Amino acid sequence: MPGDGGTARQRRLPGATERGSSGSLVARLACVLRQVAGMPDYAGYAEHLRRCHPEASVPSESDYYAVYLRNRYGDGPTRCC
C-alpha cells in the first residue's frame, strides 16, 4: 500500500504457509485426489474439530476411517454375490 513503506506486503497471517512450496502443493494435490476418489480427508476433519469444536475429542485416524466405512457401506455385505 502506498505510504506504509511496503510493510503490508511483508505481513503474513499466523499459520500461513508459502503457496509455492512443494510440500503444501503435494498435500493439497493428495487431498483433492482423495476427494475425487470419494475418500474422506482426516487431516481436514481433525483441523475442523480443533478449530470449530474444541470440546469434541479428535478420533484416531483408524477410528475415523472405520466410522467412514461403516457409514458408507453399512454393516452388511456390499454386494449380493
PDB file of N, CA and C in Angstrom:
ATOM      1  N   MET A   1       0.839  -1.178   0.000  1.00  0.00           N
ATOM      2  CA  MET A   1       0.000   0.000   0.000  1.00  0.00           C
ATOM      3  C   MET A   1       0.882   1.240   0.000  1.00  0.00           C
ATOM      4  N   PRO A   2       0.451   2.264  -0.674  1.00  0.00           N
ATOM      5  CA  PRO A   2       1.246   3.486  -0.686  1.00  0.00           C
ATOM      6  C   PRO A   2       1.320   4.100   0.698  1.00  0.00           C
ATOM      7  N   GLY A   3       2.499   4.539   1.070  1.00  0.00           N
ATOM      8  CA  GLY A   3       2.657   5.252   2.331  1.00  0.00           C
ATOM      9  C   GLY A   3       2.974   4.382   3.526  1.00  0.00           C
ATOM     10  N   ASP A   4       2.954   3.058   3.391  1.00  0.00           N
ATOM     11  CA  ASP A   4       3.245   2.228   4.553  1.00  0.00           C
ATOM     12  C   ASP A   4       4.642   1.630   4.495  1.00  0.00           C
ATOM     13  N   GLY A   5       5.421   2.030   3.525  1.00  0.00           N
ATOM     14  CA  GLY A   5       6.798   1.561   3.437  1.00  0.00           C
ATOM     15  C   GLY A   5       6.926   0.122   2.972  1.00  0.00           C
ATOM     16  N   GLY A   6       5.859  -0.426   2.396  1.00  0.00           N
ATOM     17  CA  GLY A   6       5.920  -1.793   1.885  1.00  0.00           C
ATOM     18  C   GLY A   6       5.695  -2.860   2.936  1.00  0.00           C
ATOM     19  N   THR A   7       5.384  -2.475   4.178  1.00  0.00           N
ATOM     20  CA  THR A   7       5.219  -3.473   5.223  1.00  0.00           C
ATOM     21  C   THR A   7       3.959  -4.294   5.056  1.00  0.00           C
ATOM     22  N   ALA A   8       2.930  -3.758   4.406  1.00  0.00           N
ATOM     23  CA  ALA A   8       1.689  -4.517   4.233  1.00  0.00           C
ATOM     24  C   ALA A   8       1.937  -5.763   3.393  1.00  0.00           C
ATOM     25  N   ARG A   9       2.820  -5.664   2.417  1.00  0.00           N
ATOM     26  CA  ARG A   9       3.108  -6.831   1.583  1.00  0.00           C
ATOM     27  C   ARG A   9       3.930  -7.863   2.330  1.00  0.00           C
ATOM     28  N   GLN A  10       4.642  -7.449   3.336  1.00  0.00           N
ATOM     29  CA  GLN A  10       5.507  -8.369   4.066  1.00  0.00           C
ATOM     30  C   GLN A  10       4.779  -9.058   5.203  1.00  0.00           C
ATOM     31  N   ARG A  11       3.647  -8.531   5.623  1.00  0.00           N
ATOM     32  CA  ARG A  11       2.903  -9.149   6.725  1.00  0.00           C
ATOM     33  C   ARG A  11       2.306 -10.470   6.269  1.00  0.00           C
ATOM     34  N   ARG A  12       2.283 -11.424   7.198  1.00  0.00           N
ATOM     35  CA  ARG A  12       1.681 -12.716   6.897  1.00  0.00           C
ATOM     36  C   ARG A  12       0.719 -13.061   8.011  1.00  0.00           C
ATOM     37  N   LEU A  13      -0.288 -13.781   7.676  1.00  0.00           N
ATOM     38  CA  LEU A  13      -1.234 -14.232   8.679  1.00  0.00           C
ATOM     39  C   LEU A  13      -0.605 -15.343   9.497  1.00  0.00           C
ATOM     40  N   PRO A  14      -0.996 -15.460  10.778  1.00  0.00           N
ATOM     41  CA  PRO A  14      -0.470 -16.559  11.587  1.00  0.00           C
ATOM     42  C   PRO A  14      -0.850 -17.891  10.967  1.00  0.00           C
ATOM     43  N   GLY A  15       0.099 -18.790  10.878  1.00  0.00           N
ATOM     44  CA  GLY A  15      -0.152 -20.120  10.329  1.00  0.00           C
ATOM     45  C   GLY A  15      -0.141 -20.170   8.813  1.00  0.00           C
ATOM     46  N   ALA A  16       0.106 -19.037   8.166  1.00  0.00           N
ATOM     47  CA  ALA A  16       0.128 -19.028   6.704  1.00  0.00           C
ATOM     48  C   ALA A  16       1.368 -19.764   6.212  1.00  0.00           C
ATOM     49  N   THR A  17       1.221 -20.439   5.095  1.00  0.00           N
ATOM     50  CA  THR A  17       2.347 -21.166   4.519  1.00  0.00           C
ATOM     51  C   THR A  17       2.656 -20.584   3.154  1.00  0.00           C
ATOM     52  N   GLU A  18       3.813 -20.859   2.678  1.00  0.00           N
ATOM     53  CA  GLU A  18       4.219 -20.392   1.363  1.00  0.00           C
ATOM     54  C   GLU A  18       3.481 -21.210   0.315  1.00  0.00           C
ATOM     55  N   ARG A  19       2.703 -20.580  -0.535  1.00  0.00           N
ATOM     56  CA  ARG A  19       1.903 -21.292  -1.524  1.00  0.00           C
ATOM     57  C   ARG A  19       2.746 -22.005  -2.560  1.00  0.00           C
ATOM     58  N   GLY A  20       3.941 -21.542  -2.811  1.00  0.00           N
ATOM     59  CA  GLY A  20       4.766 -22.140  -3.836  1.00  0.00           C
ATOM     60  C   GLY A  20       5.558 -23.333  -3.358  1.00  0.00           C
ATOM     61  N   SER A  21       5.539 -23.659  -2.085  1.00  0.00           N
ATOM     62  CA  SER A  21       6.355 -24.763  -1.590  1.00  0.00           C
ATOM     63  C   SER A  21       5.787 -26.092  -2.065  1.00  0.00           C
ATOM     64  N   SER A  22       6.669 -27.020  -2.391  1.00  0.00           N
ATOM     65  CA  SER A  22       6.230 -28.298  -2.947  1.00  0.00           C
ATOM     66  C   SER A  22       5.506 -29.149  -1.913  1.00  0.00           C
ATOM     67  N   GLY A  23       5.849 -29.021  -0.634  1.00  0.00           N
ATOM     68  CA  GLY A  23       5.171 -29.804   0.396  1.00  0.00           C
ATOM     69  C   GLY A  23       3.699 -29.477   0.477  1.00  0.00           C
ATOM     70  N   SER A  24       3.361 -28.207   0.463  1.00  0.00           N
ATOM     71  CA  SER A  24       1.959 -27.829   0.542  1.00  0.00           C
ATOM     72  C   SER A  24       1.240 -28.172  -0.757  1.00  0.00           C
ATOM     73  N   LEU A  25       1.914 -28.075  -1.880  1.00  0.00           N
ATOM     74  CA  LEU A  25       1.307 -28.425  -3.156  1.00  0.00           C
ATOM     75  C   LEU A  25       0.997 -29.918  -3.200  1.00  0.00           C
ATOM     76  N   VAL A  26       1.916 -30.741  -2.755  1.00  0.00           N
ATOM     77  CA  VAL A  26       1.704 -32.190  -2.736  1.00  0.00           C
ATOM     78  C   VAL A  26       0.561 -32.540  -1.791  1.00  0.00           C
ATOM     79  N   ALA A  27       0.519 -31.904  -0.625  1.00  0.00           N
ATOM     80  CA  ALA A  27      -0.551 -32.179   0.335  1.00  0.00           C
ATOM     81  C   ALA A  27      -1.906 -31.773  -0.231  1.00  0.00           C
ATOM     82  N   ARG A  28      -1.968 -30.608  -0.876  1.00  0.00           N
ATOM     83  CA  ARG A  28      -3.235 -30.175  -1.473  1.00  0.00           C
ATOM     84  C   ARG A  28      -3.651 -31.092  -2.610  1.00  0.00           C
ATOM     85  N   LEU A  29      -2.698 -31.525  -3.430  1.00  0.00           N
ATOM     86  CA  LEU A  29      -2.997 -32.432  -4.535  1.00  0.00           C
ATOM     87  C   LEU A  29      -3.508 -33.777  -4.004  1.00  0.00           C
ATOM     88  N   ALA A  30      -2.870 -34.296  -2.973  1.00  0.00           N
ATOM     89  CA  ALA A  30      -3.313 -35.563  -2.374  1.00  0.00           C
ATOM     90  C   ALA A  30      -4.724 -35.427  -1.814  1.00  0.00           C
ATOM     91  N   CYS A  31      -5.013 -34.298  -1.192  1.00  0.00           N
ATOM     92  CA  CYS A  31      -6.346 -34.055  -0.642  1.00  0.00           C
ATOM     93  C   CYS A  31      -7.391 -34.046  -1.754  1.00  0.00           C
ATOM     94  N   VAL A  32      -7.093 -33.366  -2.846  1.00  0.00           N
ATOM     95  CA  VAL A  32      -8.020 -33.303  -3.974  1.00  0.00           C
ATOM     96  C   VAL A  32      -8.228 -34.690  -4.577  1.00  0.00           C
ATOM     97  N   LEU A  33      -7.165 -35.447  -4.736  1.00  0.00           N
ATOM     98  CA  LEU A  33      -7.293 -36.799  -5.298  1.00  0.00           C
ATOM     99  C   LEU A  33      -8.120 -37.702  -4.401  1.00  0.00           C
ATOM    100  N   ARG A  34      -7.940 -37.590  -3.088  1.00  0.00           N
ATOM    101  CA  ARG A  34      -8.752 -38.388  -2.169  1.00  0.00           C
ATOM    102  C   ARG A  34     -10.224 -38.009  -2.282  1.00  0.00           C
ATOM    103  N   GLN A  35     -10.510 -36.733  -2.403  1.00  0.00           N
ATOM    104  CA  GLN A  35     -11.901 -36.297  -2.518  1.00  0.00           C
ATOM    105  C   GLN A  35     -12.517 -36.774  -3.825  1.00  0.00           C
ATOM    106  N   VAL A  36     -11.754 -36.741  -4.907  1.00  0.00           N
ATOM    107  CA  VAL A  36     -12.250 -37.221  -6.194  1.00  0.00           C
ATOM    108  C   VAL A  36     -12.550 -38.715  -6.116  1.00  0.00           C
ATOM    109  N   ALA A  37     -11.710 -39.461  -5.417  1.00  0.00           N
ATOM    110  CA  ALA A  37     -11.898 -40.899  -5.274  1.00  0.00           C
ATOM    111  C   ALA A  37     -12.971 -41.244  -4.244  1.00  0.00           C
ATOM    112  N   GLY A  38     -13.483 -40.246  -3.529  1.00  0.00           N
ATOM    113  CA  GLY A  38     -14.529 -40.491  -2.545  1.00  0.00           C
ATOM    114  C   GLY A  38     -14.008 -40.800  -1.153  1.00  0.00           C
ATOM    115  N   MET A  39     -12.722 -40.608  -0.946  1.00  0.00           N
ATOM    116  CA  MET A  39     -12.144 -40.874   0.370  1.00  0.00           C
ATOM    117  C   MET A  39     -12.235 -39.615   1.231  1.00  0.00           C
ATOM    118  N   PRO A  40     -12.442 -39.771   2.514  1.00  0.00           N
ATOM    119  CA  PRO A  40     -12.526 -38.610   3.397  1.00  0.00           C
ATOM    120  C   PRO A  40     -11.153 -38.009   3.672  1.00  0.00           C
ATOM    121  N   ASP A  41     -11.143 -36.778   4.136  1.00  0.00           N
ATOM    122  CA  ASP A  41      -9.917 -36.054   4.452  1.00  0.00           C
ATOM    123  C   ASP A  41      -9.768 -35.975   5.974  1.00  0.00           C
ATOM    124  N   TYR A  42      -9.005 -36.899   6.546  1.00  0.00           N
ATOM    125  CA  TYR A  42      -8.852 -36.936   8.005  1.00  0.00           C
ATOM    126  C   TYR A  42      -8.205 -35.664   8.534  1.00  0.00           C
ATOM    127  N   ALA A  43      -7.152 -35.201   7.886  1.00  0.00           N
ATOM    128  CA  ALA A  43      -6.448 -34.006   8.373  1.00  0.00           C
ATOM    129  C   ALA A  43      -7.377 -32.795   8.373  1.00  0.00           C
ATOM    130  N   GLY A  44      -8.171 -32.647   7.333  1.00  0.00           N
ATOM    131  CA  GLY A  44      -9.125 -31.540   7.272  1.00  0.00           C
ATOM    132  C   GLY A  44     -10.191 -31.655   8.340  1.00  0.00           C
ATOM    133  N   TYR A  45     -10.674 -32.886   8.573  1.00  0.00           N
ATOM    134  CA  TYR A  45     -11.685 -33.113   9.596  1.00  0.00           C
ATOM    135  C   TYR A  45     -11.129 -32.832  10.987  1.00  0.00           C
ATOM    136  N   ALA A  46      -9.916 -33.307  11.249  1.00  0.00           N
ATOM    137  CA  ALA A  46      -9.296 -33.082  12.558  1.00  0.00           C
ATOM    138  C   ALA A  46      -9.074 -31.590  12.794  1.00  0.00           C
ATOM    139  N   GLU A  47      -8.622 -30.872  11.771  1.00  0.00           N
ATOM    140  CA  GLU A  47      -8.422 -29.425  11.899  1.00  0.00           C
ATOM    141  C   GLU A  47      -9.750 -28.715  12.146  1.00  0.00           C
ATOM    142  N   HIS A  48     -10.801 -29.140  11.448  1.00  0.00           N
ATOM    143  CA  HIS A  48     -12.128 -28.563  11.661  1.00  0.00           C
ATOM    144  C   HIS A  48     -12.591 -28.770  13.097  1.00  0.00           C
ATOM    145  N   LEU A  49     -12.404 -29.985  13.611  1.00  0.00           N
ATOM    146  CA  LEU A  49     -12.805 -30.251  15.000  1.00  0.00           C
ATOM    147  C   LEU A  49     -12.036 -29.376  15.983  1.00  0.00           C
ATOM    148  N   ARG A  50     -10.738 -29.256  15.784  1.00  0.00           N
ATOM    149  CA  ARG A  50      -9.922 -28.437  16.693  1.00  0.00           C
ATOM    150  C   ARG A  50     -10.320 -26.962  16.645  1.00  0.00           C
ATOM    151  N   ARG A  51     -10.638 -26.479  15.447  1.00  0.00           N
ATOM    152  CA  ARG A  51     -10.947 -25.065  15.279  1.00  0.00           C
ATOM    153  C   ARG A  51     -12.388 -24.732  15.687  1.00  0.00           C
ATOM    154  N   CYS A  52     -13.354 -25.532  15.265  1.00  0.00           N
ATOM    155  CA  CYS A  52     -14.768 -25.197  15.457  1.00  0.00           C
ATOM    156  C   CYS A  52     -15.437 -25.904  16.628  1.00  0.00           C
ATOM    157  N   HIS A  53     -14.884 -27.025  17.050  1.00  0.00           N
ATOM    158  CA  HIS A  53     -15.486 -27.806  18.133  1.00  0.00           C
ATOM    159  C   HIS A  53     -14.408 -28.229  19.136  1.00  0.00           C
ATOM    160  N   PRO A  54     -13.802 -27.271  19.826  1.00  0.00           N
ATOM    161  CA  PRO A  54     -12.683 -27.612  20.714  1.00  0.00           C
ATOM    162  C   PRO A  54     -13.081 -28.552  21.861  1.00  0.00           C
ATOM    163  N   GLU A  55     -14.369 -28.617  22.182  1.00  0.00           N
ATOM    164  CA  GLU A  55     -14.800 -29.501  23.261  1.00  0.00           C
ATOM    165  C   GLU A  55     -14.878 -30.960  22.827  1.00  0.00           C
ATOM    166  N   ALA A  56     -14.945 -31.213  21.519  1.00  0.00           N
ATOM    167  CA  ALA A  56     -15.041 -32.578  20.997  1.00  0.00           C
ATOM    168  C   ALA A  56     -13.655 -33.213  20.930  1.00  0.00           C
ATOM    169  N   SER A  57     -13.619 -34.506  21.194  1.00  0.00           N
ATOM    170  CA  SER A  57     -12.337 -35.212  21.091  1.00  0.00           C
ATOM    171  C   SER A  57     -12.098 -35.599  19.629  1.00  0.00           C
ATOM    172  N   VAL A  58     -10.844 -35.554  19.229  1.00  0.00           N
ATOM    173  CA  VAL A  58     -10.471 -35.905  17.857  1.00  0.00           C
ATOM    174  C   VAL A  58     -10.198 -37.406  17.818  1.00  0.00           C
ATOM    175  N   PRO A  59     -10.929 -38.148  16.974  1.00  0.00           N
ATOM    176  CA  PRO A  59     -10.701 -39.593  16.905  1.00  0.00           C
ATOM    177  C   PRO A  59      -9.362 -39.907  16.248  1.00  0.00           C
ATOM    178  N   SER A  60      -8.861 -41.105  16.512  1.00  0.00           N
ATOM    179  CA  SER A  60      -7.640 -41.523  15.825  1.00  0.00           C
ATOM    180  C   SER A  60      -7.960 -41.711  14.350  1.00  0.00           C
ATOM    181  N   GLU A  61      -6.934 -41.730  13.531  1.00  0.00           N
ATOM    182  CA  GLU A  61      -7.147 -41.869  12.094  1.00  0.00           C
ATOM    183  C   GLU A  61      -7.817 -43.193  11.759  1.00  0.00           C
ATOM    184  N   SER A  62      -7.428 -44.265  12.435  1.00  0.00           N
ATOM    185  CA  SER A  62      -8.050 -45.572  12.146  1.00  0.00           C
ATOM    186  C   SER A  62      -9.514 -45.589  12.583  1.00  0.00           C
ATOM    187  N   ASP A  63      -9.841 -44.959  13.719  1.00  0.00           N
ATOM    188  CA  ASP A  63     -11.236 -44.869  14.147  1.00  0.00           C
ATOM    189  C   ASP A  63     -12.060 -44.047  13.159  1.00  0.00           C
ATOM    190  N   TYR A  64     -11.476 -42.956  12.670  1.00  0.00           N
ATOM    191  CA  TYR A  64     -12.160 -42.089  11.716  1.00  0.00           C
ATOM    192  C   TYR A  64     -12.514 -42.867  10.447  1.00  0.00           C
ATOM    193  N   TYR A  65     -11.552 -43.621   9.908  1.00  0.00           N
ATOM    194  CA  TYR A  65     -11.817 -44.384   8.695  1.00  0.00           C
ATOM    195  C   TYR A  65     -12.785 -45.538   8.948  1.00  0.00           C
ATOM    196  N   ALA A  66     -12.752 -46.141  10.128  1.00  0.00           N
ATOM    197  CA  ALA A  66     -13.694 -47.209  10.441  1.00  0.00           C
ATOM    198  C   ALA A  66     -15.127 -46.673  10.449  1.00  0.00           C
ATOM    199  N   VAL A  67     -15.336 -45.507  11.033  1.00  0.00           N
ATOM    200  CA  VAL A  67     -16.666 -44.895  11.046  1.00  0.00           C
ATOM    201  C   VAL A  67     -17.077 -44.516   9.628  1.00  0.00           C
ATOM    202  N   TYR A  68     -16.139 -43.988   8.848  1.00  0.00           N
ATOM    203  CA  TYR A  68     -16.427 -43.629   7.455  1.00  0.00           C
ATOM    204  C   TYR A  68     -16.885 -44.858   6.670  1.00  0.00           C
ATOM    205  N   LEU A  69     -16.141 -45.955   6.778  1.00  0.00           N
ATOM    206  CA  LEU A  69     -16.507 -47.170   6.040  1.00  0.00           C
ATOM    207  C   LEU A  69     -17.841 -47.729   6.494  1.00  0.00           C
ATOM    208  N   ARG A  70     -18.095 -47.716   7.796  1.00  0.00           N
ATOM    209  CA  ARG A  70     -19.368 -48.213   8.315  1.00  0.00           C
ATOM    210  C   ARG A  70     -20.524 -47.349   7.802  1.00  0.00           C
ATOM    211  N   ASN A  71     -20.342 -46.026   7.785  1.00  0.00           N
ATOM    212  CA  ASN A  71     -21.399 -45.147   7.282  1.00  0.00           C
ATOM    213  C   ASN A  71     -21.592 -45.290   5.776  1.00  0.00           C
ATOM    214  N   ARG A  72     -20.530 -45.532   5.054  1.00  0.00           N
ATOM    215  CA  ARG A  72     -20.629 -45.635   3.601  1.00  0.00           C
ATOM    216  C   ARG A  72     -21.220 -46.966   3.154  1.00  0.00           C
ATOM    217  N   TYR A  73     -20.782 -48.062   3.766  1.00  0.00           N
ATOM    218  CA  TYR A  73     -21.189 -49.383   3.302  1.00  0.00           C
ATOM    219  C   TYR A  73     -22.147 -50.111   4.249  1.00  0.00           C
ATOM    220  N   GLY A  74     -22.347 -49.595   5.430  1.00  0.00           N
ATOM    221  CA  GLY A  74     -23.210 -50.276   6.390  1.00  0.00           C
ATOM    222  C   GLY A  74     -22.480 -51.443   7.026  1.00  0.00           C
ATOM    223  N   ASP A  75     -23.199 -52.214   7.798  1.00  0.00           N
ATOM    224  CA  ASP A  75     -22.578 -53.348   8.492  1.00  0.00           C
ATOM    225  C   ASP A  75     -22.649 -54.640   7.687  1.00  0.00           C
ATOM    226  N   GLY A  76     -23.453 -54.661   6.633  1.00  0.00           N
ATOM    227  CA  GLY A  76     -23.619 -55.883   5.862  1.00  0.00           C
ATOM    228  C   GLY A  76     -22.701 -55.933   4.654  1.00  0.00           C
ATOM    229  N   PRO A  77     -22.890 -56.965   3.829  1.00  0.00           N
ATOM    230  CA  PRO A  77     -22.060 -57.082   2.633  1.00  0.00           C
ATOM    231  C   PRO A  77     -22.377 -55.951   1.651  1.00  0.00           C
ATOM    232  N   THR A  78     -21.407 -55.626   0.810  1.00  0.00           N
ATOM    233  CA  THR A  78     -21.606 -54.537  -0.141  1.00  0.00           C
ATOM    234  C   THR A  78     -22.189 -55.014  -1.464  1.00  0.00           C
ATOM    235  N   ARG A  79     -22.277 -56.310  -1.657  1.00  0.00           N
ATOM    236  CA  ARG A  79     -22.911 -56.842  -2.863  1.00  0.00           C
ATOM    237  C   ARG A  79     -23.565 -58.190  -2.554  1.00  0.00           C
ATOM    238  N   CYS A  80     -24.408 -58.651  -3.448  1.00  0.00           N
ATOM    239  CA  CYS A  80     -25.191 -59.858  -3.161  1.00  0.00           C
ATOM    240  C   CYS A  80     -24.430 -61.147  -3.447  1.00  0.00           C
ATOM    241  N   CYS A  81     -23.440 -61.182  -4.326  1.00  0.00           N
ATOM    242  CA  CYS A  81     -22.745 -62.438  -4.627  1.00  0.00           C
ATOM    243  C   CYS A  81     -21.254 -62.270  -4.705  1.00  0.00           C
TER     244      CYS A  81
END
